[in-house]
Amino acid sequence: MKERKLDLNWRVIFAAVLILLIAAFILFAIFTPRHAEIDGDTLRFKHLFTSFDVPLGDVASVELLDSLPSLNKVSGIGVFFLSEGTYRVDGYGTCTISLNQSEPPFIAVTDKSGESWLFSLNDQDTTREFYGELADKIPQN
């Protein structure tokens, strides 16, 4: 009987530690800054496990979205309002995203082959400012 109780205690401790680790990871992921820059003729983006480089000459369109189309996760993180990884997005197909769903706007970049990326930066003003810089570099916009 005593052995059973000891085994149960360890399971409870293990579950509590696991829950705390998951919560810490989620908080870390949410508050880790997203970084985007225009480096020469390349859009570079980095956040946690998501990074991509898109040559500006390959960009067909850049859009500022005030709301998100419907998202369905293929792989990656989708907790609370954090979405990061590969998602199926209405109007864009399967694409790479990294954004805070509760903090619009969002930037959608599509290249000439039809591949798309959706992302946001740390706050609304930073996202809008970066969109302006990026749109100025794309002749079609």
N, C-alpha and C. Protein backbone atom coordinates (compact mmCIF):
# COMPACT_ATOMS: atom_id res chain seq x y z
N MET A 1 0.82 -1.19 0.00
CA MET A 1 0.00 0.00 0.00
C MET A 1 0.87 1.26 0.00
N LYS A 2 1.91 1.25 0.83
CA LYS A 2 2.79 2.40 0.94
C LYS A 2 3.53 2.64 -0.38
N GLU A 3 3.92 1.55 -1.05
CA GLU A 3 4.62 1.66 -2.34
C GLU A 3 3.73 2.32 -3.40
N ARG A 4 2.46 2.00 -3.37
CA ARG A 4 1.51 2.59 -4.31
C ARG A 4 1.38 4.10 -4.09
N LYS A 5 1.32 4.52 -2.84
CA LYS A 5 1.19 5.93 -2.50
C LYS A 5 2.44 6.70 -2.94
N LEU A 6 3.61 6.10 -2.74
CA LEU A 6 4.86 6.73 -3.14
C LEU A 6 4.91 6.88 -4.66
N ASP A 7 4.47 5.85 -5.38
CA ASP A 7 4.43 5.90 -6.84
C ASP A 7 3.48 7.00 -7.32
N LEU A 8 2.34 7.14 -6.67
CA LEU A 8 1.37 8.17 -7.00
C LEU A 8 1.95 9.57 -6.74
N ASN A 9 2.66 9.74 -5.64
CA ASN A 9 3.28 11.03 -5.33
C ASN A 9 4.27 11.44 -6.43
N TRP A 10 5.08 10.51 -6.88
CA TRP A 10 6.05 10.83 -7.94
C TRP A 10 5.35 11.21 -9.24
N ARG A 11 4.26 10.55 -9.52
CA ARG A 11 3.49 10.89 -10.74
C ARG A 11 2.91 12.30 -10.64
N VAL A 12 2.41 12.65 -9.49
CA VAL A 12 1.86 13.99 -9.29
C VAL A 12 2.96 15.04 -9.41
N ILE A 13 4.11 14.78 -8.80
CA ILE A 13 5.23 15.71 -8.89
C ILE A 13 5.69 15.84 -10.34
N PHE A 14 5.82 14.74 -11.03
CA PHE A 14 6.24 14.76 -12.43
C PHE A 14 5.26 15.56 -13.29
N ALA A 15 3.97 15.34 -13.09
CA ALA A 15 2.94 16.05 -13.86
C ALA A 15 3.00 17.55 -13.56
N ALA A 16 3.19 17.92 -12.31
CA ALA A 16 3.25 19.35 -11.94
C ALA A 16 4.48 20.01 -12.57
N VAL A 17 5.61 19.34 -12.52
CA VAL A 17 6.83 19.89 -13.13
C VAL A 17 6.66 20.02 -14.63
N LEU A 18 6.07 19.03 -15.26
CA LEU A 18 5.84 19.07 -16.70
C LEU A 18 4.92 20.24 -17.08
N ILE A 19 3.86 20.45 -16.33
CA ILE A 19 2.94 21.56 -16.59
C ILE A 19 3.66 22.89 -16.43
N LEU A 20 4.49 23.03 -15.40
CA LEU A 20 5.25 24.27 -15.20
C LEU A 20 6.24 24.51 -16.34
N LEU A 21 6.89 23.47 -16.82
CA LEU A 21 7.83 23.62 -17.94
C LEU A 21 7.10 24.04 -19.23
N ILE A 22 5.96 23.46 -19.47
CA ILE A 22 5.18 23.84 -20.66
C ILE A 22 4.72 25.29 -20.54
N ALA A 23 4.25 25.68 -19.38
CA ALA A 23 3.82 27.07 -19.17
C ALA A 23 4.99 28.04 -19.35
N ALA A 24 6.16 27.67 -18.85
CA ALA A 24 7.35 28.53 -19.00
C ALA A 24 7.73 28.65 -20.47
N PHE A 25 7.66 27.56 -21.22
CA PHE A 25 7.98 27.61 -22.65
C PHE A 25 6.99 28.51 -23.39
N ILE A 26 5.71 28.39 -23.08
CA ILE A 26 4.70 29.22 -23.75
C ILE A 26 4.96 30.69 -23.46
N LEU A 27 5.24 31.03 -22.22
CA LEU A 27 5.54 32.43 -21.88
C LEU A 27 6.80 32.91 -22.58
N PHE A 28 7.81 32.06 -22.64
CA PHE A 28 9.05 32.41 -23.34
C PHE A 28 8.76 32.67 -24.81
N ALA A 29 7.98 31.80 -25.43
CA ALA A 29 7.66 31.94 -26.86
C ALA A 29 6.86 33.20 -27.14
N ILE A 30 5.94 33.52 -26.26
CA ILE A 30 5.09 34.69 -26.46
C ILE A 30 5.90 35.98 -26.35
N PHE A 31 6.81 36.03 -25.38
CA PHE A 31 7.52 37.27 -25.12
C PHE A 31 8.87 37.39 -25.81
N THR A 32 9.29 36.38 -26.56
CA THR A 32 10.52 36.49 -27.33
C THR A 32 10.26 37.39 -28.53
N PRO A 33 11.07 38.43 -28.70
CA PRO A 33 10.82 39.36 -29.81
C PRO A 33 10.97 38.71 -31.18
N ARG A 34 10.12 39.14 -32.10
CA ARG A 34 10.25 38.75 -33.50
C ARG A 34 11.15 39.78 -34.17
N HIS A 35 12.00 39.32 -35.06
CA HIS A 35 12.92 40.23 -35.72
C HIS A 35 12.79 40.10 -37.23
N ALA A 36 12.55 41.22 -37.89
CA ALA A 36 12.51 41.25 -39.36
C ALA A 36 13.37 42.42 -39.81
N GLU A 37 14.05 42.21 -40.91
CA GLU A 37 14.88 43.28 -41.47
C GLU A 37 14.98 43.11 -42.98
N ILE A 38 15.30 44.22 -43.62
CA ILE A 38 15.61 44.18 -45.05
C ILE A 38 17.13 44.31 -45.12
N ASP A 39 17.76 43.22 -45.49
CA ASP A 39 19.21 43.15 -45.56
C ASP A 39 19.63 43.16 -47.03
N GLY A 40 19.99 44.33 -47.52
CA GLY A 40 20.31 44.44 -48.94
C GLY A 40 19.06 44.22 -49.77
N ASP A 41 19.03 43.12 -50.49
CA ASP A 41 17.88 42.79 -51.33
C ASP A 41 17.15 41.55 -50.82
N THR A 42 17.18 41.34 -49.48
CA THR A 42 16.55 40.15 -48.89
C THR A 42 15.75 40.52 -47.64
N LEU A 43 14.53 39.99 -47.56
CA LEU A 43 13.74 40.08 -46.35
C LEU A 43 14.19 38.93 -45.45
N ARG A 44 14.58 39.25 -44.23
CA ARG A 44 15.00 38.23 -43.26
C ARG A 44 14.09 38.32 -42.04
N PHE A 45 13.60 37.15 -41.60
CA PHE A 45 12.72 37.07 -40.44
C PHE A 45 13.22 35.97 -39.52
N LYS A 46 13.12 36.20 -38.18
CA LYS A 46 13.54 35.20 -37.21
C LYS A 46 12.71 35.32 -35.93
N HIS A 47 12.21 34.18 -35.48
CA HIS A 47 11.55 34.07 -34.18
C HIS A 47 11.55 32.61 -33.77
N LEU A 48 12.12 32.32 -32.62
CA LEU A 48 12.20 30.96 -32.08
C LEU A 48 12.62 29.94 -33.13
N PHE A 49 11.68 29.10 -33.57
CA PHE A 49 12.00 28.01 -34.49
C PHE A 49 11.70 28.37 -35.94
N THR A 50 11.22 29.59 -36.18
CA THR A 50 10.84 30.02 -37.52
C THR A 50 11.80 31.08 -38.02
N SER A 51 12.38 30.82 -39.16
CA SER A 51 13.18 31.85 -39.82
C SER A 51 13.05 31.64 -41.32
N PHE A 52 13.08 32.74 -42.04
CA PHE A 52 13.03 32.64 -43.49
C PHE A 52 13.71 33.85 -44.11
N ASP A 53 14.20 33.64 -45.30
CA ASP A 53 14.81 34.68 -46.12
C ASP A 53 14.08 34.68 -47.45
N VAL A 54 13.64 35.85 -47.88
CA VAL A 54 12.93 35.98 -49.15
C VAL A 54 13.63 37.06 -49.97
N PRO A 55 14.19 36.70 -51.12
CA PRO A 55 14.78 37.74 -51.98
C PRO A 55 13.68 38.72 -52.43
N LEU A 56 13.94 40.01 -52.27
CA LEU A 56 12.93 41.02 -52.63
C LEU A 56 12.56 40.96 -54.10
N GLY A 57 13.50 40.56 -54.94
CA GLY A 57 13.21 40.45 -56.38
C GLY A 57 12.22 39.35 -56.70
N ASP A 58 12.02 38.41 -55.77
CA ASP A 58 11.07 37.31 -55.98
C ASP A 58 9.68 37.61 -55.42
N VAL A 59 9.54 38.72 -54.70
CA VAL A 59 8.27 39.04 -54.04
C VAL A 59 7.26 39.55 -55.07
N ALA A 60 6.11 38.89 -55.10
CA ALA A 60 5.03 39.31 -56.01
C ALA A 60 4.09 40.30 -55.33
N SER A 61 3.85 40.12 -54.01
CA SER A 61 2.96 41.04 -53.31
C SER A 61 3.27 41.08 -51.82
N VAL A 62 2.95 42.23 -51.24
CA VAL A 62 3.05 42.43 -49.79
C VAL A 62 1.74 43.08 -49.37
N GLU A 63 1.09 42.50 -48.35
CA GLU A 63 -0.19 43.03 -47.88
C GLU A 63 -0.15 43.24 -46.38
N LEU A 64 -0.85 44.25 -45.92
CA LEU A 64 -1.05 44.48 -44.49
C LEU A 64 -2.47 44.03 -44.16
N LEU A 65 -2.59 43.01 -43.33
CA LEU A 65 -3.89 42.42 -43.00
C LEU A 65 -4.33 42.90 -41.62
N ASP A 66 -5.53 43.47 -41.54
CA ASP A 66 -6.07 43.90 -40.25
C ASP A 66 -6.74 42.76 -39.50
N SER A 67 -7.03 41.68 -40.20
CA SER A 67 -7.56 40.48 -39.55
C SER A 67 -7.00 39.26 -40.27
N LEU A 68 -6.99 38.17 -39.57
CA LEU A 68 -6.43 36.94 -40.14
C LEU A 68 -7.50 36.14 -40.86
N PRO A 69 -7.13 35.57 -42.00
CA PRO A 69 -8.03 34.59 -42.61
C PRO A 69 -8.06 33.33 -41.72
N SER A 70 -8.87 32.39 -42.06
CA SER A 70 -8.95 31.15 -41.31
C SER A 70 -7.61 30.40 -41.36
N LEU A 71 -7.16 29.90 -40.20
CA LEU A 71 -5.89 29.18 -40.09
C LEU A 71 -6.13 27.74 -39.65
N ASN A 72 -5.37 26.80 -40.22
CA ASN A 72 -5.38 25.42 -39.76
C ASN A 72 -3.93 24.97 -39.66
N LYS A 73 -3.51 24.57 -38.46
CA LYS A 73 -2.13 24.19 -38.23
C LYS A 73 -1.79 22.87 -38.91
N VAL A 74 -0.66 22.86 -39.62
CA VAL A 74 -0.12 21.64 -40.20
C VAL A 74 0.95 21.11 -39.24
N SER A 75 1.87 21.98 -38.84
CA SER A 75 2.88 21.63 -37.85
C SER A 75 3.36 22.91 -37.19
N GLY A 76 3.81 22.79 -35.95
CA GLY A 76 4.31 23.96 -35.26
C GLY A 76 3.59 24.18 -33.94
N ILE A 77 3.55 25.45 -33.53
CA ILE A 77 2.97 25.83 -32.25
C ILE A 77 1.66 26.57 -32.51
N GLY A 78 0.66 26.22 -31.76
CA GLY A 78 -0.62 26.92 -31.84
C GLY A 78 -1.25 26.93 -30.46
N VAL A 79 -0.76 27.81 -29.59
CA VAL A 79 -1.28 27.89 -28.23
C VAL A 79 -1.75 29.31 -27.95
N PHE A 80 -2.87 29.42 -27.27
CA PHE A 80 -3.47 30.70 -26.97
C PHE A 80 -3.49 31.55 -28.23
N PHE A 81 -2.77 32.64 -28.24
CA PHE A 81 -2.77 33.52 -29.40
C PHE A 81 -1.47 33.45 -30.18
N LEU A 82 -0.55 32.55 -29.81
CA LEU A 82 0.71 32.38 -30.52
C LEU A 82 0.54 31.32 -31.61
N SER A 83 0.86 31.70 -32.83
CA SER A 83 0.83 30.77 -33.95
C SER A 83 2.17 30.84 -34.66
N GLU A 84 2.83 29.69 -34.77
CA GLU A 84 4.14 29.67 -35.40
C GLU A 84 4.36 28.30 -36.03
N GLY A 85 4.77 28.31 -37.29
CA GLY A 85 5.05 27.06 -37.98
C GLY A 85 4.42 27.05 -39.35
N THR A 86 4.00 25.88 -39.78
CA THR A 86 3.37 25.71 -41.08
C THR A 86 1.86 25.59 -40.89
N TYR A 87 1.12 26.43 -41.58
CA TYR A 87 -0.34 26.48 -41.47
C TYR A 87 -0.96 26.53 -42.85
N ARG A 88 -2.18 26.02 -42.96
CA ARG A 88 -3.00 26.26 -44.15
C ARG A 88 -3.80 27.51 -43.87
N VAL A 89 -3.68 28.48 -44.77
CA VAL A 89 -4.32 29.77 -44.56
C VAL A 89 -5.21 30.06 -45.75
N ASP A 90 -6.50 30.36 -45.49
CA ASP A 90 -7.43 30.68 -46.58
C ASP A 90 -6.87 31.82 -47.42
N GLY A 91 -6.81 31.59 -48.72
CA GLY A 91 -6.34 32.60 -49.65
C GLY A 91 -4.85 32.58 -49.90
N TYR A 92 -4.10 31.82 -49.07
CA TYR A 92 -2.64 31.77 -49.22
C TYR A 92 -2.10 30.36 -49.35
N GLY A 93 -2.92 29.36 -49.10
CA GLY A 93 -2.46 27.97 -49.15
C GLY A 93 -1.64 27.63 -47.93
N THR A 94 -0.74 26.68 -48.09
CA THR A 94 0.13 26.27 -46.99
C THR A 94 1.30 27.25 -46.94
N CYS A 95 1.49 27.85 -45.77
CA CYS A 95 2.55 28.85 -45.66
C CYS A 95 3.16 28.85 -44.26
N THR A 96 4.27 29.54 -44.14
CA THR A 96 4.96 29.70 -42.87
C THR A 96 4.42 30.94 -42.18
N ILE A 97 4.07 30.79 -40.90
CA ILE A 97 3.59 31.96 -40.16
C ILE A 97 4.28 32.05 -38.81
N SER A 98 4.36 33.27 -38.31
CA SER A 98 4.86 33.53 -36.96
C SER A 98 4.19 34.83 -36.52
N LEU A 99 3.20 34.70 -35.65
CA LEU A 99 2.46 35.89 -35.27
C LEU A 99 1.74 35.72 -33.95
N ASN A 100 1.36 36.86 -33.41
CA ASN A 100 0.52 36.95 -32.23
C ASN A 100 -0.87 37.31 -32.73
N GLN A 101 -1.79 36.36 -32.68
CA GLN A 101 -3.13 36.57 -33.26
C GLN A 101 -3.90 37.69 -32.59
N SER A 102 -3.56 38.03 -31.37
CA SER A 102 -4.30 39.06 -30.67
C SER A 102 -3.76 40.46 -30.95
N GLU A 103 -2.73 40.57 -31.79
CA GLU A 103 -2.09 41.86 -32.03
C GLU A 103 -1.99 42.15 -33.53
N PRO A 104 -3.14 42.44 -34.20
CA PRO A 104 -3.05 42.81 -35.61
C PRO A 104 -2.37 44.17 -35.74
N PRO A 105 -1.90 44.54 -36.86
CA PRO A 105 -2.02 43.92 -38.17
C PRO A 105 -0.96 42.85 -38.39
N PHE A 106 -1.06 42.19 -39.54
CA PHE A 106 -0.15 41.13 -39.93
C PHE A 106 0.35 41.43 -41.34
N ILE A 107 1.56 40.99 -41.62
CA ILE A 107 2.14 41.19 -42.95
C ILE A 107 2.09 39.88 -43.69
N ALA A 108 1.58 39.91 -44.91
CA ALA A 108 1.54 38.74 -45.79
C ALA A 108 2.44 39.01 -46.98
N VAL A 109 3.40 38.13 -47.19
CA VAL A 109 4.33 38.24 -48.31
C VAL A 109 4.14 37.01 -49.18
N THR A 110 3.96 37.23 -50.48
CA THR A 110 3.82 36.13 -51.43
C THR A 110 4.85 36.32 -52.52
N ASP A 111 5.56 35.23 -52.84
CA ASP A 111 6.55 35.34 -53.91
C ASP A 111 5.94 34.93 -55.25
N LYS A 112 6.73 35.06 -56.29
CA LYS A 112 6.23 34.80 -57.65
C LYS A 112 5.84 33.35 -57.89
N SER A 113 6.38 32.43 -57.07
CA SER A 113 6.01 31.02 -57.22
C SER A 113 4.74 30.68 -56.45
N GLY A 114 4.21 31.64 -55.66
CA GLY A 114 2.99 31.42 -54.90
C GLY A 114 3.23 31.06 -53.44
N GLU A 115 4.48 30.91 -53.03
CA GLU A 115 4.77 30.62 -51.63
C GLU A 115 4.51 31.87 -50.79
N SER A 116 3.94 31.67 -49.59
CA SER A 116 3.56 32.82 -48.76
C SER A 116 4.09 32.68 -47.34
N TRP A 117 4.26 33.83 -46.70
CA TRP A 117 4.67 33.94 -45.31
C TRP A 117 3.80 35.00 -44.66
N LEU A 118 3.31 34.72 -43.47
CA LEU A 118 2.55 35.69 -42.69
C LEU A 118 3.27 35.89 -41.37
N PHE A 119 3.42 37.15 -40.96
CA PHE A 119 4.11 37.41 -39.71
C PHE A 119 3.68 38.75 -39.13
N SER A 120 3.98 38.91 -37.87
CA SER A 120 3.81 40.20 -37.21
C SER A 120 5.06 40.41 -36.36
N LEU A 121 5.25 41.64 -35.95
CA LEU A 121 6.39 41.97 -35.10
C LEU A 121 5.91 42.19 -33.68
N ASN A 122 6.67 42.86 -32.86
CA ASN A 122 6.38 42.91 -31.43
C ASN A 122 5.15 43.72 -31.06
N ASP A 123 4.80 44.70 -31.87
CA ASP A 123 3.61 45.50 -31.58
C ASP A 123 3.06 46.06 -32.89
N GLN A 124 1.89 46.67 -32.80
CA GLN A 124 1.20 47.17 -33.99
C GLN A 124 2.01 48.22 -34.74
N ASP A 125 2.57 49.17 -34.00
CA ASP A 125 3.31 50.25 -34.65
C ASP A 125 4.54 49.73 -35.39
N THR A 126 5.27 48.81 -34.76
CA THR A 126 6.47 48.24 -35.38
C THR A 126 6.09 47.46 -36.64
N THR A 127 5.00 46.71 -36.57
CA THR A 127 4.55 45.95 -37.73
C THR A 127 4.18 46.89 -38.88
N ARG A 128 3.42 47.94 -38.58
CA ARG A 128 3.02 48.90 -39.63
C ARG A 128 4.24 49.60 -40.23
N GLU A 129 5.17 49.98 -39.38
CA GLU A 129 6.37 50.67 -39.85
C GLU A 129 7.20 49.75 -40.77
N PHE A 130 7.36 48.50 -40.36
CA PHE A 130 8.13 47.57 -41.19
C PHE A 130 7.40 47.30 -42.51
N TYR A 131 6.08 47.18 -42.46
CA TYR A 131 5.32 46.99 -43.69
C TYR A 131 5.59 48.15 -44.66
N GLY A 132 5.59 49.38 -44.17
CA GLY A 132 5.87 50.54 -45.02
C GLY A 132 7.23 50.44 -45.68
N GLU A 133 8.25 50.07 -44.89
CA GLU A 133 9.59 49.92 -45.45
C GLU A 133 9.62 48.83 -46.52
N LEU A 134 8.98 47.71 -46.22
CA LEU A 134 8.98 46.59 -47.15
C LEU A 134 8.21 46.92 -48.43
N ALA A 135 7.04 47.53 -48.29
CA ALA A 135 6.23 47.89 -49.45
C ALA A 135 6.96 48.87 -50.36
N ASP A 136 7.75 49.76 -49.78
CA ASP A 136 8.53 50.72 -50.57
C ASP A 136 9.60 50.02 -51.41
N LYS A 137 10.07 48.86 -50.98
CA LYS A 137 11.12 48.13 -51.69
C LYS A 137 10.58 47.24 -52.80
N ILE A 138 9.26 47.02 -52.81
CA ILE A 138 8.65 46.14 -53.80
C ILE A 138 7.99 46.99 -54.87
N PRO A 139 8.50 46.97 -56.11
CA PRO A 139 7.98 47.86 -57.15
C PRO A 139 6.52 47.63 -57.50
N GLN A 140 5.98 46.44 -57.32
CA GLN A 140 4.61 46.14 -57.71
C GLN A 140 3.59 46.76 -56.76
N ASN A 141 4.00 47.12 -55.53
CA ASN A 141 3.04 47.63 -54.55
C ASN A 141 2.79 49.09 -54.74
